[in-house]
Protein backbone atom coordinates (compact mmCIF):
# COMPACT_ATOMS: atom_id res chain seq x y z
CA UNK A 1 0.00 0.00 0.00
CA UNK A 2 1.25 3.50 -0.77
CA UNK A 3 1.29 6.13 1.95
CA UNK A 4 -0.39 9.54 2.05
CA UNK A 5 1.00 12.44 0.08
CA UNK A 6 4.47 13.57 0.99
CA UNK A 7 5.93 16.78 -0.39
CA UNK A 8 9.36 18.33 -0.13
CA UNK A 9 9.53 22.12 -0.20
CA UNK A 10 11.52 22.17 -3.46
CA UNK A 11 9.32 19.74 -5.40
CA UNK A 12 7.26 20.95 -8.36
CA UNK A 13 4.42 18.48 -7.64
CA UNK A 14 2.97 16.50 -4.70
CA UNK A 15 4.18 12.91 -4.39
CA UNK A 16 2.96 9.65 -2.91
CA UNK A 17 5.33 7.13 -1.31
CA UNK A 18 5.46 3.60 -2.65
CA UNK A 19 6.33 0.47 -0.61
CA UNK A 20 9.88 -0.42 0.40
CA UNK A 21 11.69 -3.08 -1.65
CA UNK A 22 15.23 -4.54 -1.79
CA UNK A 23 17.70 -2.09 -3.31
CA UNK A 24 18.93 -3.37 -6.70
CA UNK A 25 22.27 -1.55 -6.36
CA UNK A 26 23.42 -1.77 -2.73
CA UNK A 27 23.14 -5.12 -0.88
CA UNK A 28 21.27 -5.36 2.43
CA UNK A 29 19.48 -2.04 1.90
CA UNK A 30 15.89 -1.20 1.13
CA UNK A 31 14.84 1.26 -1.54
CA UNK A 32 11.71 3.35 -1.81
CA UNK A 33 10.27 5.61 -4.49
CA UNK A 34 8.09 8.70 -4.33
CA UNK A 35 5.82 8.99 -7.36
CA UNK A 36 4.59 12.29 -8.73
CA UNK A 37 0.82 12.60 -8.40
CA UNK A 38 0.60 14.55 -11.66
CA UNK A 39 2.92 15.80 -14.39
CA UNK A 40 3.44 19.57 -14.51
CA UNK A 41 2.14 21.04 -17.76
CA UNK A 42 4.49 21.48 -20.71
CA UNK A 43 8.11 20.64 -21.38
CA UNK A 44 9.32 23.15 -18.79
CA UNK A 45 7.43 21.21 -16.14
CA UNK A 46 9.30 18.04 -17.08
CA UNK A 47 12.62 19.91 -16.80
CA UNK A 48 11.64 21.04 -13.28
CA UNK A 49 10.97 17.44 -12.35
CA UNK A 50 14.40 16.34 -13.60
CA UNK A 51 16.04 19.19 -11.69
CA UNK A 52 14.25 17.96 -8.56
CA UNK A 53 15.71 14.47 -8.97
CA UNK A 54 12.84 12.71 -10.73
CA UNK A 55 13.09 10.04 -13.43
CA UNK A 56 10.47 8.69 -15.85
CA UNK A 57 9.18 5.13 -16.08
CA UNK A 58 6.33 4.70 -18.52
CA UNK A 59 3.57 7.20 -17.81
CA UNK A 60 4.92 7.91 -14.30
CA UNK A 61 7.78 9.90 -12.82
CA UNK A 62 9.50 9.01 -9.56
CA UNK A 63 12.41 9.89 -7.32
CA UNK A 64 14.22 7.92 -4.66
CA UNK A 65 12.92 8.35 -1.10
CA UNK A 66 15.07 5.92 0.87
CA UNK A 67 15.13 7.50 4.32
CA UNK A 68 18.63 8.30 5.51
CA UNK A 69 20.35 6.82 2.45
CA UNK A 70 21.49 9.43 -0.08
CA UNK A 71 23.60 7.19 -2.32
CA UNK A 72 21.47 7.82 -5.44
CA UNK A 73 22.36 11.11 -7.09
CA UNK A 74 21.02 12.45 -10.40
CA UNK A 75 23.95 13.05 -12.75
CA UNK A 76 24.04 15.10 -15.95
CA UNK A 77 26.62 16.07 -18.55
CA UNK A 78 27.16 19.62 -19.85
CA UNK A 79 27.13 19.04 -23.60
CA UNK A 80 29.52 21.76 -24.77
CA UNK A 81 32.14 21.00 -22.09
CA UNK A 82 32.37 17.22 -22.48
CA UNK A 83 35.81 15.89 -23.44
CA UNK A 84 36.11 12.13 -24.07
CA UNK A 85 38.98 10.24 -22.48
CA UNK A 86 41.08 7.70 -24.33
CA UNK A 87 38.79 4.72 -23.73
CA UNK A 88 35.71 6.73 -24.74
CA UNK A 89 37.39 7.81 -27.98
CA UNK A 90 38.29 4.18 -28.60
CA UNK A 91 34.67 3.14 -28.07
CA UNK A 92 33.53 5.57 -30.75
CA UNK A 93 36.20 4.37 -33.16
CA UNK A 94 35.29 0.70 -32.61
CA UNK A 95 31.68 1.43 -33.46
CA UNK A 96 32.18 3.72 -36.44
CA UNK A 97 30.92 0.88 -38.66
CA UNK A 98 27.44 0.97 -37.12
CA UNK A 99 24.45 2.64 -38.74
CA UNK A 100 23.00 5.09 -36.19
CA UNK A 101 19.39 6.23 -36.55
CA UNK A 102 17.18 8.46 -34.39
CA UNK A 103 13.40 8.41 -34.70
CA UNK A 104 10.16 7.88 -32.85
CA UNK A 105 9.95 4.83 -30.56
CA UNK A 106 8.55 1.77 -32.31
CA UNK A 107 8.21 -1.40 -30.23
CA UNK A 108 8.34 -4.64 -32.24
CA UNK A 109 9.55 -8.28 -31.90
CA UNK A 110 13.10 -7.37 -32.99
CA UNK A 111 13.45 -4.82 -30.19
CA UNK A 112 11.81 -7.14 -27.69
CA UNK A 113 14.34 -9.84 -28.53
CA UNK A 114 17.27 -7.47 -27.93
CA UNK A 115 15.83 -6.22 -24.64
CA UNK A 116 15.23 -9.77 -23.41
CA UNK A 117 18.73 -10.96 -24.32
CA UNK A 118 20.24 -7.90 -22.66
CA UNK A 119 18.21 -8.32 -19.47
CA UNK A 120 19.02 -12.03 -19.28
CA UNK A 121 22.72 -11.22 -19.48
CA UNK A 122 22.51 -8.56 -16.72
CA UNK A 123 20.61 -10.69 -14.15
CA UNK A 124 19.93 -7.65 -11.95
CA UNK A 125 16.22 -8.37 -11.53
CA UNK A 126 15.05 -4.81 -12.17
CA UNK A 127 12.98 -5.83 -15.21
CA UNK A 128 11.57 -9.26 -15.96
CA UNK A 129 11.80 -9.00 -19.75
CA UNK A 130 8.05 -9.41 -20.12
CA UNK A 131 6.83 -7.73 -23.33
CA UNK A 132 4.06 -5.79 -21.57
CA UNK A 133 6.48 -4.54 -18.90
CA UNK A 134 9.00 -3.31 -21.49
CA UNK A 135 6.38 -1.64 -23.67
CA UNK A 136 4.61 0.02 -20.72
CA UNK A 137 7.80 1.09 -18.95
CA UNK A 138 9.72 2.41 -21.95
CA UNK A 139 7.49 2.97 -24.96
CA UNK A 140 4.48 4.62 -23.30
CA UNK A 141 5.43 8.19 -22.48
CA UNK A 142 3.67 11.43 -21.50
CA UNK A 143 6.58 13.53 -22.83
CA UNK A 144 8.42 13.89 -26.14
CA UNK A 145 10.47 10.70 -26.53
CA UNK A 146 13.01 9.50 -29.10
CA UNK A 147 14.57 6.15 -29.91
CA UNK A 148 18.21 5.73 -30.96
CA UNK A 149 19.16 2.51 -32.73
CA UNK A 150 22.47 1.16 -34.02
CA UNK A 151 22.75 -1.64 -36.58
CA UNK A 152 25.52 -3.70 -38.13
CA UNK A 153 24.65 -5.13 -41.55
CA UNK A 154 20.98 -4.72 -40.67
CA UNK A 155 21.21 -6.52 -37.31
CA UNK A 156 20.04 -4.49 -34.31
CA UNK A 157 22.89 -3.95 -31.84
CA UNK A 158 21.64 -1.05 -29.70
CA UNK A 159 18.25 0.39 -28.85
CA UNK A 160 17.93 3.33 -26.46
CA UNK A 161 14.95 5.34 -25.25
CA UNK A 162 15.60 9.07 -24.73
CA UNK A 163 13.25 11.75 -23.40
CA UNK A 164 13.58 15.20 -24.95
CA UNK A 165 12.89 18.68 -23.59
CA UNK A 166 13.83 22.04 -25.15
CA UNK A 167 17.12 22.28 -23.25
CA UNK A 168 18.11 18.67 -22.60
CA UNK A 169 17.96 14.97 -23.34
CA UNK A 170 17.31 12.41 -20.60
CA UNK A 171 18.38 8.78 -21.01
CA UNK A 172 15.58 6.43 -19.94
CA UNK A 173 16.99 2.99 -20.80
CA UNK A 174 19.31 1.37 -23.28
CA UNK A 175 19.91 -2.25 -24.29
CA UNK A 176 22.94 -3.64 -26.10
CA UNK A 177 23.64 -6.91 -27.85
CA UNK A 178 25.29 -8.99 -25.06
CA UNK A 179 27.39 -10.79 -27.67
CA UNK A 180 29.17 -7.50 -28.48
CA UNK A 181 30.83 -6.76 -25.12
CA UNK A 182 34.15 -5.79 -26.69
CA UNK A 183 32.55 -2.90 -28.56
CA UNK A 184 31.92 -0.82 -25.37
CA UNK A 185 28.48 0.01 -26.73
CA UNK A 186 27.42 1.76 -23.53
CA UNK A 187 30.20 4.34 -23.77
CA UNK A 188 29.46 4.81 -27.46
CA UNK A 189 25.72 5.24 -26.84
CA UNK A 190 26.26 8.06 -24.33
CA UNK A 191 28.51 9.86 -26.82
CA UNK A 192 26.02 9.41 -29.66
CA UNK A 193 23.41 11.00 -27.38
CA UNK A 194 25.75 13.87 -26.55
CA UNK A 195 26.31 14.44 -30.27
CA UNK A 196 22.55 14.44 -30.84
CA UNK A 197 22.03 16.97 -28.04
CA UNK A 198 24.76 19.18 -29.49
CA UNK A 199 23.19 19.08 -32.95
CA UNK A 200 19.87 20.18 -31.39
CA UNK A 201 21.46 23.03 -29.43
CA UNK A 202 20.77 21.44 -26.04
CA UNK A 203 22.78 22.19 -22.93
CA UNK A 204 22.70 18.90 -20.97
CA UNK A 205 22.27 15.14 -21.16
CA UNK A 206 20.86 13.51 -18.03
CA UNK A 207 22.26 10.02 -17.34
CA UNK A 208 19.86 9.18 -14.51
CA UNK A 209 21.01 8.11 -11.06
CA UNK A 210 24.62 7.59 -10.13
CA UNK A 211 24.75 5.33 -7.07
CA UNK A 212 27.76 5.85 -4.84
CA UNK A 213 29.15 2.41 -3.99
CA UNK A 214 27.56 0.59 -6.94
CA UNK A 215 30.00 -0.87 -9.47
CA UNK A 216 27.31 -1.01 -12.18
CA UNK A 217 26.71 2.76 -11.92
CA UNK A 218 30.34 3.87 -11.62
CA UNK A 219 30.74 4.23 -15.40
CA UNK A 220 28.67 7.43 -15.35
CA UNK A 221 31.35 9.30 -13.38
CA UNK A 222 33.91 8.53 -16.11
CA UNK A 223 32.23 11.12 -18.34
CA UNK A 224 33.87 14.43 -17.48
CA UNK A 225 33.01 17.02 -16.61
CA UNK A 226 29.71 16.02 -15.03
CA UNK A 227 27.30 17.60 -12.59
CA UNK A 228 25.70 15.91 -9.57
CA UNK A 229 22.49 17.11 -7.88
CA UNK A 230 23.19 18.06 -4.26
CA UNK A 231 20.81 18.00 -1.29
CA UNK A 232 20.26 21.76 -1.56
CA UNK A 233 18.91 21.37 -5.12
CA UNK A 234 21.96 22.78 -6.89
CA UNK A 235 24.08 21.00 -9.49
CA UNK A 236 27.71 20.52 -8.37
CA UNK A 237 30.29 20.29 -11.13
CA UNK A 238 33.01 17.60 -11.05
CA UNK A 239 35.89 18.14 -13.46
C-alpha atoms as a PDB file:
ATOM      1  CA  UNK A   1       0.000   0.000   0.000  1.00  0.00           C
ATOM      2  CA  UNK A   2       1.251   3.495  -0.774  1.00  0.00           C
ATOM      3  CA  UNK A   3       1.289   6.127   1.952  1.00  0.00           C
ATOM      4  CA  UNK A   4      -0.394   9.539   2.046  1.00  0.00           C
ATOM      5  CA  UNK A   5       1.004  12.437   0.079  1.00  0.00           C
ATOM      6  CA  UNK A   6       4.469  13.565   0.994  1.00  0.00           C
ATOM      7  CA  UNK A   7       5.931  16.775  -0.388  1.00  0.00           C
ATOM      8  CA  UNK A   8       9.364  18.333  -0.130  1.00  0.00           C
ATOM      9  CA  UNK A   9       9.532  22.115  -0.196  1.00  0.00           C
ATOM     10  CA  UNK A  10      11.520  22.166  -3.455  1.00  0.00           C
ATOM     11  CA  UNK A  11       9.320  19.742  -5.403  1.00  0.00           C
ATOM     12  CA  UNK A  12       7.256  20.951  -8.364  1.00  0.00           C
ATOM     13  CA  UNK A  13       4.420  18.485  -7.641  1.00  0.00           C
ATOM     14  CA  UNK A  14       2.974  16.502  -4.700  1.00  0.00           C
ATOM     15  CA  UNK A  15       4.176  12.907  -4.386  1.00  0.00           C
ATOM     16  CA  UNK A  16       2.962   9.649  -2.906  1.00  0.00           C
ATOM     17  CA  UNK A  17       5.329   7.132  -1.306  1.00  0.00           C
ATOM     18  CA  UNK A  18       5.458   3.599  -2.646  1.00  0.00           C
ATOM     19  CA  UNK A  19       6.333   0.474  -0.612  1.00  0.00           C
ATOM     20  CA  UNK A  20       9.877  -0.416   0.397  1.00  0.00           C
ATOM     21  CA  UNK A  21      11.691  -3.075  -1.652  1.00  0.00           C
ATOM     22  CA  UNK A  22      15.226  -4.542  -1.786  1.00  0.00           C
ATOM     23  CA  UNK A  23      17.701  -2.089  -3.312  1.00  0.00           C
ATOM     24  CA  UNK A  24      18.930  -3.368  -6.700  1.00  0.00           C
ATOM     25  CA  UNK A  25      22.268  -1.547  -6.361  1.00  0.00           C
ATOM     26  CA  UNK A  26      23.417  -1.769  -2.728  1.00  0.00           C
ATOM     27  CA  UNK A  27      23.140  -5.119  -0.877  1.00  0.00           C
ATOM     28  CA  UNK A  28      21.268  -5.359   2.426  1.00  0.00           C
ATOM     29  CA  UNK A  29      19.484  -2.043   1.902  1.00  0.00           C
ATOM     30  CA  UNK A  30      15.891  -1.199   1.130  1.00  0.00           C
ATOM     31  CA  UNK A  31      14.845   1.260  -1.538  1.00  0.00           C
ATOM     32  CA  UNK A  32      11.707   3.348  -1.810  1.00  0.00           C
ATOM     33  CA  UNK A  33      10.273   5.608  -4.486  1.00  0.00           C
ATOM     34  CA  UNK A  34       8.095   8.701  -4.330  1.00  0.00           C
ATOM     35  CA  UNK A  35       5.820   8.995  -7.356  1.00  0.00           C
ATOM     36  CA  UNK A  36       4.588  12.287  -8.730  1.00  0.00           C
ATOM     37  CA  UNK A  37       0.822  12.604  -8.399  1.00  0.00           C
ATOM     38  CA  UNK A  38       0.602  14.551 -11.660  1.00  0.00           C
ATOM     39  CA  UNK A  39       2.915  15.797 -14.385  1.00  0.00           C
ATOM     40  CA  UNK A  40       3.435  19.566 -14.514  1.00  0.00           C
ATOM     41  CA  UNK A  41       2.141  21.037 -17.755  1.00  0.00           C
ATOM     42  CA  UNK A  42       4.486  21.481 -20.705  1.00  0.00           C
ATOM     43  CA  UNK A  43       8.112  20.644 -21.377  1.00  0.00           C
ATOM     44  CA  UNK A  44       9.324  23.151 -18.788  1.00  0.00           C
ATOM     45  CA  UNK A  45       7.429  21.213 -16.144  1.00  0.00           C
ATOM     46  CA  UNK A  46       9.299  18.035 -17.081  1.00  0.00           C
ATOM     47  CA  UNK A  47      12.618  19.912 -16.797  1.00  0.00           C
ATOM     48  CA  UNK A  48      11.642  21.042 -13.283  1.00  0.00           C
ATOM     49  CA  UNK A  49      10.970  17.436 -12.350  1.00  0.00           C
ATOM     50  CA  UNK A  50      14.398  16.340 -13.597  1.00  0.00           C
ATOM     51  CA  UNK A  51      16.037  19.191 -11.692  1.00  0.00           C
ATOM     52  CA  UNK A  52      14.248  17.963  -8.559  1.00  0.00           C
ATOM     53  CA  UNK A  53      15.707  14.466  -8.965  1.00  0.00           C
ATOM     54  CA  UNK A  54      12.835  12.710 -10.732  1.00  0.00           C
ATOM     55  CA  UNK A  55      13.090  10.043 -13.426  1.00  0.00           C
ATOM     56  CA  UNK A  56      10.474   8.693 -15.847  1.00  0.00           C
ATOM     57  CA  UNK A  57       9.184   5.131 -16.076  1.00  0.00           C
ATOM     58  CA  UNK A  58       6.326   4.696 -18.518  1.00  0.00           C
ATOM     59  CA  UNK A  59       3.569   7.200 -17.809  1.00  0.00           C
ATOM     60  CA  UNK A  60       4.917   7.907 -14.298  1.00  0.00           C
ATOM     61  CA  UNK A  61       7.784   9.900 -12.817  1.00  0.00           C
ATOM     62  CA  UNK A  62       9.496   9.007  -9.560  1.00  0.00           C
ATOM     63  CA  UNK A  63      12.409   9.892  -7.316  1.00  0.00           C
ATOM     64  CA  UNK A  64      14.219   7.917  -4.659  1.00  0.00           C
ATOM     65  CA  UNK A  65      12.919   8.346  -1.104  1.00  0.00           C
ATOM     66  CA  UNK A  66      15.070   5.916   0.869  1.00  0.00           C
ATOM     67  CA  UNK A  67      15.127   7.504   4.320  1.00  0.00           C
ATOM     68  CA  UNK A  68      18.628   8.304   5.505  1.00  0.00           C
ATOM     69  CA  UNK A  69      20.346   6.818   2.454  1.00  0.00           C
ATOM     70  CA  UNK A  70      21.490   9.428  -0.078  1.00  0.00           C
ATOM     71  CA  UNK A  71      23.598   7.193  -2.324  1.00  0.00           C
ATOM     72  CA  UNK A  72      21.470   7.823  -5.438  1.00  0.00           C
ATOM     73  CA  UNK A  73      22.361  11.113  -7.089  1.00  0.00           C
ATOM     74  CA  UNK A  74      21.024  12.446 -10.402  1.00  0.00           C
ATOM     75  CA  UNK A  75      23.953  13.048 -12.751  1.00  0.00           C
ATOM     76  CA  UNK A  76      24.037  15.104 -15.949  1.00  0.00           C
ATOM     77  CA  UNK A  77      26.623  16.069 -18.552  1.00  0.00           C
ATOM     78  CA  UNK A  78      27.158  19.623 -19.853  1.00  0.00           C
ATOM     79  CA  UNK A  79      27.129  19.037 -23.601  1.00  0.00           C
ATOM     80  CA  UNK A  80      29.523  21.756 -24.765  1.00  0.00           C
ATOM     81  CA  UNK A  81      32.145  20.998 -22.093  1.00  0.00           C
ATOM     82  CA  UNK A  82      32.372  17.215 -22.481  1.00  0.00           C
ATOM     83  CA  UNK A  83      35.806  15.893 -23.438  1.00  0.00           C
ATOM     84  CA  UNK A  84      36.114  12.132 -24.074  1.00  0.00           C
ATOM     85  CA  UNK A  85      38.976  10.243 -22.475  1.00  0.00           C
ATOM     86  CA  UNK A  86      41.079   7.702 -24.326  1.00  0.00           C
ATOM     87  CA  UNK A  87      38.795   4.715 -23.731  1.00  0.00           C
ATOM     88  CA  UNK A  88      35.715   6.726 -24.742  1.00  0.00           C
ATOM     89  CA  UNK A  89      37.386   7.810 -27.985  1.00  0.00           C
ATOM     90  CA  UNK A  90      38.290   4.183 -28.605  1.00  0.00           C
ATOM     91  CA  UNK A  91      34.668   3.137 -28.066  1.00  0.00           C
ATOM     92  CA  UNK A  92      33.528   5.574 -30.750  1.00  0.00           C
ATOM     93  CA  UNK A  93      36.198   4.374 -33.160  1.00  0.00           C
ATOM     94  CA  UNK A  94      35.294   0.701 -32.610  1.00  0.00           C
ATOM     95  CA  UNK A  95      31.679   1.429 -33.464  1.00  0.00           C
ATOM     96  CA  UNK A  96      32.181   3.723 -36.444  1.00  0.00           C
ATOM     97  CA  UNK A  97      30.919   0.881 -38.662  1.00  0.00           C
ATOM     98  CA  UNK A  98      27.438   0.969 -37.120  1.00  0.00           C
ATOM     99  CA  UNK A  99      24.446   2.643 -38.739  1.00  0.00           C
ATOM    100  CA  UNK A 100      23.001   5.090 -36.188  1.00  0.00           C
ATOM    101  CA  UNK A 101      19.393   6.228 -36.547  1.00  0.00           C
ATOM    102  CA  UNK A 102      17.181   8.458 -34.385  1.00  0.00           C
ATOM    103  CA  UNK A 103      13.396   8.408 -34.700  1.00  0.00           C
ATOM    104  CA  UNK A 104      10.156   7.878 -32.854  1.00  0.00           C
ATOM    105  CA  UNK A 105       9.950   4.833 -30.556  1.00  0.00           C
ATOM    106  CA  UNK A 106       8.550   1.767 -32.309  1.00  0.00           C
ATOM    107  CA  UNK A 107       8.207  -1.397 -30.235  1.00  0.00           C
ATOM    108  CA  UNK A 108       8.342  -4.645 -32.239  1.00  0.00           C
ATOM    109  CA  UNK A 109       9.549  -8.280 -31.903  1.00  0.00           C
ATOM    110  CA  UNK A 110      13.099  -7.366 -32.993  1.00  0.00           C
ATOM    111  CA  UNK A 111      13.447  -4.818 -30.194  1.00  0.00           C
ATOM    112  CA  UNK A 112      11.808  -7.140 -27.687  1.00  0.00           C
ATOM    113  CA  UNK A 113      14.340  -9.843 -28.532  1.00  0.00           C
ATOM    114  CA  UNK A 114      17.266  -7.473 -27.932  1.00  0.00           C
ATOM    115  CA  UNK A 115      15.826  -6.217 -24.636  1.00  0.00           C
ATOM    116  CA  UNK A 116      15.226  -9.774 -23.415  1.00  0.00           C
ATOM    117  CA  UNK A 117      18.733 -10.962 -24.322  1.00  0.00           C
ATOM    118  CA  UNK A 118      20.244  -7.897 -22.663  1.00  0.00           C
ATOM    119  CA  UNK A 119      18.205  -8.315 -19.467  1.00  0.00           C
ATOM    120  CA  UNK A 120      19.017 -12.035 -19.276  1.00  0.00           C
ATOM    121  CA  UNK A 121      22.724 -11.220 -19.476  1.00  0.00           C
ATOM    122  CA  UNK A 122      22.506  -8.560 -16.725  1.00  0.00           C
ATOM    123  CA  UNK A 123      20.612 -10.690 -14.149  1.00  0.00           C
ATOM    124  CA  UNK A 124      19.926  -7.654 -11.948  1.00  0.00           C
ATOM    125  CA  UNK A 125      16.221  -8.366 -11.532  1.00  0.00           C
ATOM    126  CA  UNK A 126      15.046  -4.812 -12.175  1.00  0.00           C
ATOM    127  CA  UNK A 127      12.982  -5.832 -15.214  1.00  0.00           C
ATOM    128  CA  UNK A 128      11.574  -9.265 -15.956  1.00  0.00           C
ATOM    129  CA  UNK A 129      11.796  -9.004 -19.747  1.00  0.00           C
ATOM    130  CA  UNK A 130       8.046  -9.412 -20.116  1.00  0.00           C
ATOM    131  CA  UNK A 131       6.827  -7.726 -23.325  1.00  0.00           C
ATOM    132  CA  UNK A 132       4.063  -5.794 -21.566  1.00  0.00           C
ATOM    133  CA  UNK A 133       6.478  -4.536 -18.898  1.00  0.00           C
ATOM    134  CA  UNK A 134       8.998  -3.310 -21.488  1.00  0.00           C
ATOM    135  CA  UNK A 135       6.385  -1.644 -23.671  1.00  0.00           C
ATOM    136  CA  UNK A 136       4.612   0.017 -20.721  1.00  0.00           C
ATOM    137  CA  UNK A 137       7.803   1.091 -18.950  1.00  0.00           C
ATOM    138  CA  UNK A 138       9.716   2.409 -21.951  1.00  0.00           C
ATOM    139  CA  UNK A 139       7.489   2.967 -24.964  1.00  0.00           C
ATOM    140  CA  UNK A 140       4.483   4.623 -23.302  1.00  0.00           C
ATOM    141  CA  UNK A 141       5.432   8.189 -22.478  1.00  0.00           C
ATOM    142  CA  UNK A 142       3.675  11.430 -21.502  1.00  0.00           C
ATOM    143  CA  UNK A 143       6.582  13.534 -22.834  1.00  0.00           C
ATOM    144  CA  UNK A 144       8.422  13.890 -26.136  1.00  0.00           C
ATOM    145  CA  UNK A 145      10.468  10.699 -26.527  1.00  0.00           C
ATOM    146  CA  UNK A 146      13.013   9.500 -29.098  1.00  0.00           C
ATOM    147  CA  UNK A 147      14.574   6.152 -29.912  1.00  0.00           C
ATOM    148  CA  UNK A 148      18.208   5.729 -30.958  1.00  0.00           C
ATOM    149  CA  UNK A 149      19.159   2.506 -32.735  1.00  0.00           C
ATOM    150  CA  UNK A 150      22.469   1.165 -34.016  1.00  0.00           C
ATOM    151  CA  UNK A 151      22.749  -1.636 -36.580  1.00  0.00           C
ATOM    152  CA  UNK A 152      25.516  -3.696 -38.130  1.00  0.00           C
ATOM    153  CA  UNK A 153      24.651  -5.125 -41.550  1.00  0.00           C
ATOM    154  CA  UNK A 154      20.981  -4.716 -40.669  1.00  0.00           C
ATOM    155  CA  UNK A 155      21.208  -6.523 -37.314  1.00  0.00           C
ATOM    156  CA  UNK A 156      20.041  -4.491 -34.312  1.00  0.00           C
ATOM    157  CA  UNK A 157      22.887  -3.950 -31.835  1.00  0.00           C
ATOM    158  CA  UNK A 158      21.642  -1.052 -29.698  1.00  0.00           C
ATOM    159  CA  UNK A 159      18.251   0.387 -28.851  1.00  0.00           C
ATOM    160  CA  UNK A 160      17.934   3.329 -26.462  1.00  0.00           C
ATOM    161  CA  UNK A 161      14.949   5.343 -25.246  1.00  0.00           C
ATOM    162  CA  UNK A 162      15.602   9.070 -24.733  1.00  0.00           C
ATOM    163  CA  UNK A 163      13.255  11.745 -23.400  1.00  0.00           C
ATOM    164  CA  UNK A 164      13.579  15.196 -24.954  1.00  0.00           C
ATOM    165  CA  UNK A 165      12.885  18.683 -23.594  1.00  0.00           C
ATOM    166  CA  UNK A 166      13.832  22.040 -25.153  1.00  0.00           C
ATOM    167  CA  UNK A 167      17.121  22.285 -23.252  1.00  0.00           C
ATOM    168  CA  UNK A 168      18.114  18.671 -22.597  1.00  0.00           C
ATOM    169  CA  UNK A 169      17.956  14.967 -23.343  1.00  0.00           C
ATOM    170  CA  UNK A 170      17.315  12.410 -20.605  1.00  0.00           C
ATOM    171  CA  UNK A 171      18.382   8.782 -21.014  1.00  0.00           C
ATOM    172  CA  UNK A 172      15.583   6.434 -19.936  1.00  0.00           C
ATOM    173  CA  UNK A 173      16.994   2.994 -20.797  1.00  0.00           C
ATOM    174  CA  UNK A 174      19.308   1.374 -23.284  1.00  0.00           C
ATOM    175  CA  UNK A 175      19.906  -2.253 -24.290  1.00  0.00           C
ATOM    176  CA  UNK A 176      22.943  -3.638 -26.103  1.00  0.00           C
ATOM    177  CA  UNK A 177      23.639  -6.912 -27.850  1.00  0.00           C
ATOM    178  CA  UNK A 178      25.292  -8.991 -25.061  1.00  0.00           C
ATOM    179  CA  UNK A 179      27.394 -10.795 -27.667  1.00  0.00           C
ATOM    180  CA  UNK A 180      29.172  -7.501 -28.477  1.00  0.00           C
ATOM    181  CA  UNK A 181      30.831  -6.763 -25.117  1.00  0.00           C
ATOM    182  CA  UNK A 182      34.145  -5.790 -26.694  1.00  0.00           C
ATOM    183  CA  UNK A 183      32.549  -2.900 -28.563  1.00  0.00           C
ATOM    184  CA  UNK A 184      31.922  -0.825 -25.370  1.00  0.00           C
ATOM    185  CA  UNK A 185      28.476   0.014 -26.733  1.00  0.00           C
ATOM    186  CA  UNK A 186      27.418   1.763 -23.525  1.00  0.00           C
ATOM    187  CA  UNK A 187      30.199   4.344 -23.771  1.00  0.00           C
ATOM    188  CA  UNK A 188      29.455   4.808 -27.463  1.00  0.00           C
ATOM    189  CA  UNK A 189      25.721   5.242 -26.837  1.00  0.00           C
ATOM    190  CA  UNK A 190      26.259   8.062 -24.327  1.00  0.00           C
ATOM    191  CA  UNK A 191      28.512   9.860 -26.820  1.00  0.00           C
ATOM    192  CA  UNK A 192      26.016   9.414 -29.658  1.00  0.00           C
ATOM    193  CA  UNK A 193      23.406  11.003 -27.380  1.00  0.00           C
ATOM    194  CA  UNK A 194      25.746  13.874 -26.552  1.00  0.00           C
ATOM    195  CA  UNK A 195      26.311  14.444 -30.272  1.00  0.00           C
ATOM    196  CA  UNK A 196      22.552  14.437 -30.841  1.00  0.00           C
ATOM    197  CA  UNK A 197      22.035  16.968 -28.036  1.00  0.00           C
ATOM    198  CA  UNK A 198      24.761  19.183 -29.489  1.00  0.00           C
ATOM    199  CA  UNK A 199      23.185  19.077 -32.945  1.00  0.00           C
ATOM    200  CA  UNK A 200      19.870  20.179 -31.394  1.00  0.00           C
ATOM    201  CA  UNK A 201      21.464  23.026 -29.432  1.00  0.00           C
ATOM    202  CA  UNK A 202      20.768  21.443 -26.040  1.00  0.00           C
ATOM    203  CA  UNK A 203      22.785  22.189 -22.927  1.00  0.00           C
ATOM    204  CA  UNK A 204      22.698  18.898 -20.968  1.00  0.00           C
ATOM    205  CA  UNK A 205      22.267  15.144 -21.165  1.00  0.00           C
ATOM    206  CA  UNK A 206      20.862  13.511 -18.029  1.00  0.00           C
ATOM    207  CA  UNK A 207      22.258  10.025 -17.336  1.00  0.00           C
ATOM    208  CA  UNK A 208      19.861   9.178 -14.507  1.00  0.00           C
ATOM    209  CA  UNK A 209      21.010   8.110 -11.058  1.00  0.00           C
ATOM    210  CA  UNK A 210      24.622   7.593 -10.132  1.00  0.00           C
ATOM    211  CA  UNK A 211      24.746   5.334  -7.071  1.00  0.00           C
ATOM    212  CA  UNK A 212      27.756   5.852  -4.843  1.00  0.00           C
ATOM    213  CA  UNK A 213      29.154   2.413  -3.986  1.00  0.00           C
ATOM    214  CA  UNK A 214      27.556   0.594  -6.942  1.00  0.00           C
ATOM    215  CA  UNK A 215      29.997  -0.871  -9.473  1.00  0.00           C
ATOM    216  CA  UNK A 216      27.311  -1.012 -12.175  1.00  0.00           C
ATOM    217  CA  UNK A 217      26.710   2.757 -11.918  1.00  0.00           C
ATOM    218  CA  UNK A 218      30.337   3.865 -11.622  1.00  0.00           C
ATOM    219  CA  UNK A 219      30.738   4.231 -15.398  1.00  0.00           C
ATOM    220  CA  UNK A 220      28.668   7.426 -15.347  1.00  0.00           C
ATOM    221  CA  UNK A 221      31.347   9.297 -13.383  1.00  0.00           C
ATOM    222  CA  UNK A 222      33.905   8.534 -16.108  1.00  0.00           C
ATOM    223  CA  UNK A 223      32.229  11.120 -18.338  1.00  0.00           C
ATOM    224  CA  UNK A 224      33.873  14.426 -17.477  1.00  0.00           C
ATOM    225  CA  UNK A 225      33.011  17.020 -16.610  1.00  0.00           C
ATOM    226  CA  UNK A 226      29.709  16.020 -15.033  1.00  0.00           C
ATOM    227  CA  UNK A 227      27.298  17.596 -12.587  1.00  0.00           C
ATOM    228  CA  UNK A 228      25.698  15.906  -9.565  1.00  0.00           C
ATOM    229  CA  UNK A 229      22.495  17.105  -7.880  1.00  0.00           C
ATOM    230  CA  UNK A 230      23.190  18.058  -4.259  1.00  0.00           C
ATOM    231  CA  UNK A 231      20.810  18.001  -1.288  1.00  0.00           C
ATOM    232  CA  UNK A 232      20.263  21.761  -1.557  1.00  0.00           C
ATOM    233  CA  UNK A 233      18.908  21.374  -5.116  1.00  0.00           C
ATOM    234  CA  UNK A 234      21.962  22.785  -6.889  1.00  0.00           C
ATOM    235  CA  UNK A 235      24.084  21.000  -9.491  1.00  0.00           C
ATOM    236  CA  UNK A 236      27.706  20.524  -8.366  1.00  0.00           C
ATOM    237  CA  UNK A 237      30.289  20.288 -11.135  1.00  0.00           C
ATOM    238  CA  UNK A 238      33.006  17.602 -11.051  1.00  0.00           C
ATOM    239  CA  UNK A 239      35.887  18.143 -13.460  1.00  0.00           C
END
